[in-house]
Amino acid sequence: MYRNAWMTVREDEIRRPDGSAGIYGVVDKPAYALVIPFDGDRFRLVEQFRYPLGLRRWEFPQGTAPDLADVEPGELAARELREETGLRAGSLVELGLIDCAPGFVSQRGRVFLALDLTEGEPERETEEQDMRSAWFSRAELEKMISTGMITDSQSIAAYAHLLLYERDKAR
């Protein structure tokens, strides 16, 4: 029904469990990578204008490859980190999988913890011109989540993956 460089929208004819016919609208988007840059004390977040909300929002760096390309998740994570923050990771640890909005979007994302970070210049895409990034302590990050400064569901879910990873590692 619709296609651009970031997504397609389709309408499927379906058969429900009771045998009745129906339709289902689906937004297809390529897999994304979300990166949690952590230097041992602080987390790096990015802030950008989110057009559908009409608001600037803080979140972890994340994104897809251009032109609906399929890119290996670790490579995509390193690329998004470099593009949005300028950081390079000495190591990337895969923490888990997030389904973006499974009621109508096919997109799935891999969450990575970026460690052993080296600063560099961001390599932002045209759409990211107004993006900025900054470091935040764990206490600041958690306060931003609890007060609604961070509302991005993928970032919040990714932080939950990190907390579980840290808990399991401490055992």
C-alpha atoms as a PDB file:
ATOM      1  CA  MET A   1       0.000   0.000   0.000  1.00  0.00           C
ATOM      2  CA  TYR A   2       2.882   2.363   0.777  1.00  0.00           C
ATOM      3  CA  ARG A   3       6.687   2.265   0.719  1.00  0.00           C
ATOM      4  CA  ASN A   4       9.542   4.670   1.401  1.00  0.00           C
ATOM      5  CA  ALA A   5      13.227   4.292   2.327  1.00  0.00           C
ATOM      6  CA  TRP A   6      12.386   3.437   5.974  1.00  0.00           C
ATOM      7  CA  MET A   7       9.233   1.317   5.915  1.00  0.00           C
ATOM      8  CA  THR A   8       6.431  -0.355   4.026  1.00  0.00           C
ATOM      9  CA  VAL A   9       2.780  -0.553   4.969  1.00  0.00           C
ATOM     10  CA  ARG A  10       0.694  -3.500   3.875  1.00  0.00           C
ATOM     11  CA  GLU A  11      -2.806  -4.804   4.405  1.00  0.00           C
ATOM     12  CA  ASP A  12      -3.133  -8.589   4.711  1.00  0.00           C
ATOM     13  CA  GLU A  13      -6.309 -10.582   4.280  1.00  0.00           C
ATOM     14  CA  ILE A  14      -6.477 -12.969   7.232  1.00  0.00           C
ATOM     15  CA  ARG A  15      -8.586 -15.841   8.486  1.00  0.00           C
ATOM     16  CA  ARG A  16      -9.377 -15.683  12.216  1.00  0.00           C
ATOM     17  CA  PRO A  17      -9.399 -18.812  14.439  1.00  0.00           C
ATOM     18  CA  ASP A  18     -13.205 -18.949  14.174  1.00  0.00           C
ATOM     19  CA  GLY A  19     -12.947 -19.056  10.360  1.00  0.00           C
ATOM     20  CA  SER A  20     -14.138 -15.508   9.705  1.00  0.00           C
ATOM     21  CA  ALA A  21     -12.267 -13.304   7.245  1.00  0.00           C
ATOM     22  CA  GLY A  22     -10.594 -10.058   8.195  1.00  0.00           C
ATOM     23  CA  ILE A  23      -7.781  -7.675   7.405  1.00  0.00           C
ATOM     24  CA  TYR A  24      -4.642  -6.784   9.298  1.00  0.00           C
ATOM     25  CA  GLY A  25      -2.580  -3.638   8.688  1.00  0.00           C
ATOM     26  CA  VAL A  26       1.159  -4.128   9.185  1.00  0.00           C
ATOM     27  CA  VAL A  27       4.048  -1.665   9.168  1.00  0.00           C
ATOM     28  CA  ASP A  28       7.197  -3.467   8.019  1.00  0.00           C
ATOM     29  CA  LYS A  29      10.469  -1.916   9.149  1.00  0.00           C
ATOM     30  CA  PRO A  30      13.930  -3.458   9.072  1.00  0.00           C
ATOM     31  CA  ALA A  31      15.570  -4.752  12.215  1.00  0.00           C
ATOM     32  CA  TYR A  32      17.228  -2.127  14.369  1.00  0.00           C
ATOM     33  CA  ALA A  33      20.056  -2.034  16.870  1.00  0.00           C
ATOM     34  CA  LEU A  34      19.932  -0.142  20.156  1.00  0.00           C
ATOM     35  CA  VAL A  35      23.182   0.591  21.964  1.00  0.00           C
ATOM     36  CA  ILE A  36      23.710   1.323  25.657  1.00  0.00           C
ATOM     37  CA  PRO A  37      27.051   3.184  25.831  1.00  0.00           C
ATOM     38  CA  PHE A  38      28.416   2.749  29.366  1.00  0.00           C
ATOM     39  CA  ASP A  39      31.813   3.952  30.584  1.00  0.00           C
ATOM     40  CA  GLY A  40      31.515   2.258  33.985  1.00  0.00           C
ATOM     41  CA  ASP A  41      30.016   5.335  35.655  1.00  0.00           C
ATOM     42  CA  ARG A  42      27.876   7.070  33.048  1.00  0.00           C
ATOM     43  CA  PHE A  43      25.533   6.362  30.143  1.00  0.00           C
ATOM     44  CA  ARG A  44      25.541   8.249  26.854  1.00  0.00           C
ATOM     45  CA  LEU A  45      22.139   9.303  25.557  1.00  0.00           C
ATOM     46  CA  VAL A  46      21.041  11.172  22.465  1.00  0.00           C
ATOM     47  CA  GLU A  47      18.292  13.757  22.210  1.00  0.00           C
ATOM     48  CA  GLN A  48      16.418  14.491  19.022  1.00  0.00           C
ATOM     49  CA  PHE A  49      13.116  15.811  17.732  1.00  0.00           C
ATOM     50  CA  ARG A  50      10.603  12.992  17.261  1.00  0.00           C
ATOM     51  CA  TYR A  51       8.226  14.248  14.591  1.00  0.00           C
ATOM     52  CA  PRO A  52       5.213  11.993  15.391  1.00  0.00           C
ATOM     53  CA  LEU A  53       5.250  13.298  18.985  1.00  0.00           C
ATOM     54  CA  GLY A  54       6.210  16.868  18.146  1.00  0.00           C
ATOM     55  CA  LEU A  55       8.753  16.677  20.989  1.00  0.00           C
ATOM     56  CA  ARG A  56      12.470  16.371  21.622  1.00  0.00           C
ATOM     57  CA  ARG A  57      13.188  13.106  23.470  1.00  0.00           C
ATOM     58  CA  TRP A  58      16.200  11.534  25.189  1.00  0.00           C
ATOM     59  CA  GLU A  59      16.952   7.896  24.346  1.00  0.00           C
ATOM     60  CA  PHE A  60      19.762   5.434  23.791  1.00  0.00           C
ATOM     61  CA  PRO A  61      21.372   5.519  20.326  1.00  0.00           C
ATOM     62  CA  GLN A  62      19.422   3.296  17.960  1.00  0.00           C
ATOM     63  CA  GLY A  63      18.511   2.868  14.342  1.00  0.00           C
ATOM     64  CA  THR A  64      18.264   0.843  11.175  1.00  0.00           C
ATOM     65  CA  ALA A  65      20.350   0.631   8.041  1.00  0.00           C
ATOM     66  CA  PRO A  66      19.303   2.970   5.225  1.00  0.00           C
ATOM     67  CA  ASP A  67      17.154   1.879   2.289  1.00  0.00           C
ATOM     68  CA  LEU A  68      15.617  -1.058   4.192  1.00  0.00           C
ATOM     69  CA  ALA A  69      18.970  -2.876   4.065  1.00  0.00           C
ATOM     70  CA  ASP A  70      19.560  -5.979   6.156  1.00  0.00           C
ATOM     71  CA  VAL A  71      22.759  -5.529   8.203  1.00  0.00           C
ATOM     72  CA  GLU A  72      24.299  -7.881  10.791  1.00  0.00           C
ATOM     73  CA  PRO A  73      23.141  -6.644  14.250  1.00  0.00           C
ATOM     74  CA  GLY A  74      26.599  -6.097  15.771  1.00  0.00           C
ATOM     75  CA  GLU A  75      27.759  -4.153  12.732  1.00  0.00           C
ATOM     76  CA  LEU A  76      24.598  -2.059  12.829  1.00  0.00           C
ATOM     77  CA  ALA A  77      25.086  -1.365  16.555  1.00  0.00           C
ATOM     78  CA  ALA A  78      28.666  -0.162  16.022  1.00  0.00           C
ATOM     79  CA  ARG A  79      27.521   2.012  13.135  1.00  0.00           C
ATOM     80  CA  GLU A  80      24.640   3.626  15.065  1.00  0.00           C
ATOM     81  CA  LEU A  81      26.915   4.310  18.036  1.00  0.00           C
ATOM     82  CA  ARG A  82      29.522   5.968  15.806  1.00  0.00           C
ATOM     83  CA  GLU A  83      26.981   7.942  13.770  1.00  0.00           C
ATOM     84  CA  GLU A  84      24.952   9.321  16.648  1.00  0.00           C
ATOM     85  CA  THR A  85      27.577   9.854  19.371  1.00  0.00           C
ATOM     86  CA  GLY A  86      31.003   9.578  17.736  1.00  0.00           C
ATOM     87  CA  LEU A  87      31.865   6.804  20.193  1.00  0.00           C
ATOM     88  CA  ARG A  88      33.678   3.621  19.198  1.00  0.00           C
ATOM     89  CA  ALA A  89      33.244   0.529  21.353  1.00  0.00           C
ATOM     90  CA  GLY A  90      36.100  -1.814  22.185  1.00  0.00           C
ATOM     91  CA  SER A  91      33.457  -4.456  22.855  1.00  0.00           C
ATOM     92  CA  LEU A  92      29.754  -4.924  22.242  1.00  0.00           C
ATOM     93  CA  VAL A  93      27.777  -7.362  24.400  1.00  0.00           C
ATOM     94  CA  GLU A  94      24.409  -8.469  23.045  1.00  0.00           C
ATOM     95  CA  LEU A  95      21.827  -8.214  25.839  1.00  0.00           C
ATOM     96  CA  GLY A  96      18.574  -9.197  24.211  1.00  0.00           C
ATOM     97  CA  LEU A  97      15.759  -8.718  21.745  1.00  0.00           C
ATOM     98  CA  ILE A  98      12.924  -6.172  21.712  1.00  0.00           C
ATOM     99  CA  ASP A  99       9.770  -6.285  19.594  1.00  0.00           C
ATOM    100  CA  CYS A 100       8.982  -2.670  18.858  1.00  0.00           C
ATOM    101  CA  ALA A 101       5.159  -2.675  18.713  1.00  0.00           C
ATOM    102  CA  PRO A 102       4.110  -6.223  17.794  1.00  0.00           C
ATOM    103  CA  GLY A 103       0.446  -5.355  17.443  1.00  0.00           C
ATOM    104  CA  PHE A 104       1.099  -3.578  14.137  1.00  0.00           C
ATOM    105  CA  VAL A 105       4.857  -3.360  13.452  1.00  0.00           C
ATOM    106  CA  SER A 106       7.062  -6.267  12.346  1.00  0.00           C
ATOM    107  CA  GLN A 107      10.253  -4.526  13.518  1.00  0.00           C
ATOM    108  CA  ARG A 108      12.537  -6.250  16.011  1.00  0.00           C
ATOM    109  CA  GLY A 109      15.624  -4.841  17.666  1.00  0.00           C
ATOM    110  CA  ARG A 110      18.782  -6.172  19.249  1.00  0.00           C
ATOM    111  CA  VAL A 111      20.105  -4.492  22.381  1.00  0.00           C
ATOM    112  CA  PHE A 112      23.863  -4.102  22.868  1.00  0.00           C
ATOM    113  CA  LEU A 113      25.980  -2.884  25.758  1.00  0.00           C
ATOM    114  CA  ALA A 114      28.920  -0.850  24.442  1.00  0.00           C
ATOM    115  CA  LEU A 115      32.057  -0.926  26.617  1.00  0.00           C
ATOM    116  CA  ASP A 116      35.681   0.236  26.368  1.00  0.00           C
ATOM    117  CA  LEU A 117      34.562   3.434  24.664  1.00  0.00           C
ATOM    118  CA  THR A 118      36.701   5.837  22.663  1.00  0.00           C
ATOM    119  CA  GLU A 119      35.502   9.370  21.864  1.00  0.00           C
ATOM    120  CA  GLY A 120      35.295  10.604  18.287  1.00  0.00           C
ATOM    121  CA  GLU A 121      33.242  12.862  16.052  1.00  0.00           C
ATOM    122  CA  PRO A 122      29.635  11.884  15.267  1.00  0.00           C
ATOM    123  CA  GLU A 123      28.873  10.958  11.635  1.00  0.00           C
ATOM    124  CA  ARG A 124      25.185  11.873  11.669  1.00  0.00           C
ATOM    125  CA  GLU A 125      22.791  11.390   8.798  1.00  0.00           C
ATOM    126  CA  THR A 126      20.907  14.355   7.357  1.00  0.00           C
ATOM    127  CA  GLU A 127      17.822  13.497   9.425  1.00  0.00           C
ATOM    128  CA  GLU A 128      19.937  13.637  12.620  1.00  0.00           C
ATOM    129  CA  GLN A 129      21.258  17.195  12.200  1.00  0.00           C
ATOM    130  CA  ASP A 130      19.511  18.470  15.324  1.00  0.00           C
ATOM    131  CA  MET A 131      20.640  15.543  17.485  1.00  0.00           C
ATOM    132  CA  ARG A 132      22.786  16.105  20.533  1.00  0.00           C
ATOM    133  CA  SER A 133      24.323  13.672  22.988  1.00  0.00           C
ATOM    134  CA  ALA A 134      25.426  13.823  26.610  1.00  0.00           C
ATOM    135  CA  TRP A 135      26.599  11.657  29.491  1.00  0.00           C
ATOM    136  CA  PHE A 136      24.320  10.863  32.440  1.00  0.00           C
ATOM    137  CA  SER A 137      24.915   9.034  35.714  1.00  0.00           C
ATOM    138  CA  ARG A 138      22.816   5.981  36.546  1.00  0.00           C
ATOM    139  CA  ALA A 139      20.853   8.039  39.095  1.00  0.00           C
ATOM    140  CA  GLU A 140      20.170  10.730  36.500  1.00  0.00           C
ATOM    141  CA  LEU A 141      19.119   8.131  33.913  1.00  0.00           C
ATOM    142  CA  GLU A 142      16.711   6.448  36.305  1.00  0.00           C
ATOM    143  CA  LYS A 143      15.262   9.803  37.358  1.00  0.00           C
ATOM    144  CA  MET A 144      14.756  10.704  33.686  1.00  0.00           C
ATOM    145  CA  ILE A 145      12.798   7.465  33.214  1.00  0.00           C
ATOM    146  CA  SER A 146      10.706   7.896  36.374  1.00  0.00           C
ATOM    147  CA  THR A 147       9.863  11.550  35.657  1.00  0.00           C
ATOM    148  CA  GLY A 148       8.964  11.020  31.987  1.00  0.00           C
ATOM    149  CA  MET A 149      11.988  12.711  30.437  1.00  0.00           C
ATOM    150  CA  ILE A 150      12.734   9.345  28.821  1.00  0.00           C
ATOM    151  CA  THR A 151       9.586   7.784  27.391  1.00  0.00           C
ATOM    152  CA  ASP A 152      11.057   5.813  24.496  1.00  0.00           C
ATOM    153  CA  SER A 153       9.812   2.278  25.114  1.00  0.00           C
ATOM    154  CA  GLN A 154      12.826   0.681  23.430  1.00  0.00           C
ATOM    155  CA  SER A 155      15.248   2.591  25.673  1.00  0.00           C
ATOM    156  CA  ILE A 156      13.310   1.647  28.799  1.00  0.00           C
ATOM    157  CA  ALA A 157      13.100  -2.014  27.747  1.00  0.00           C
ATOM    158  CA  ALA A 158      16.817  -1.980  26.899  1.00  0.00           C
ATOM    159  CA  TYR A 159      17.608  -0.649  30.371  1.00  0.00           C
ATOM    160  CA  ALA A 160      15.617  -3.556  31.831  1.00  0.00           C
ATOM    161  CA  HIS A 161      17.789  -5.929  29.761  1.00  0.00           C
ATOM    162  CA  LEU A 162      20.886  -4.240  31.202  1.00  0.00           C
ATOM    163  CA  LEU A 163      19.626  -4.563  34.792  1.00  0.00           C
ATOM    164  CA  LEU A 164      18.949  -8.279  34.297  1.00  0.00           C
ATOM    165  CA  TYR A 165      22.379  -8.751  32.692  1.00  0.00           C
ATOM    166  CA  GLU A 166      24.079  -6.999  35.620  1.00  0.00           C
ATOM    167  CA  ARG A 167      22.086  -9.034  38.148  1.00  0.00           C
ATOM    168  CA  ASP A 168      22.981 -12.325  36.433  1.00  0.00           C
ATOM    169  CA  LYS A 169      26.629 -11.312  36.160  1.00  0.00           C
ATOM    170  CA  ALA A 170      26.766 -10.513  39.896  1.00  0.00           C
ATOM    171  CA  ARG A 171      25.603 -14.035  40.843  1.00  0.00           C
END
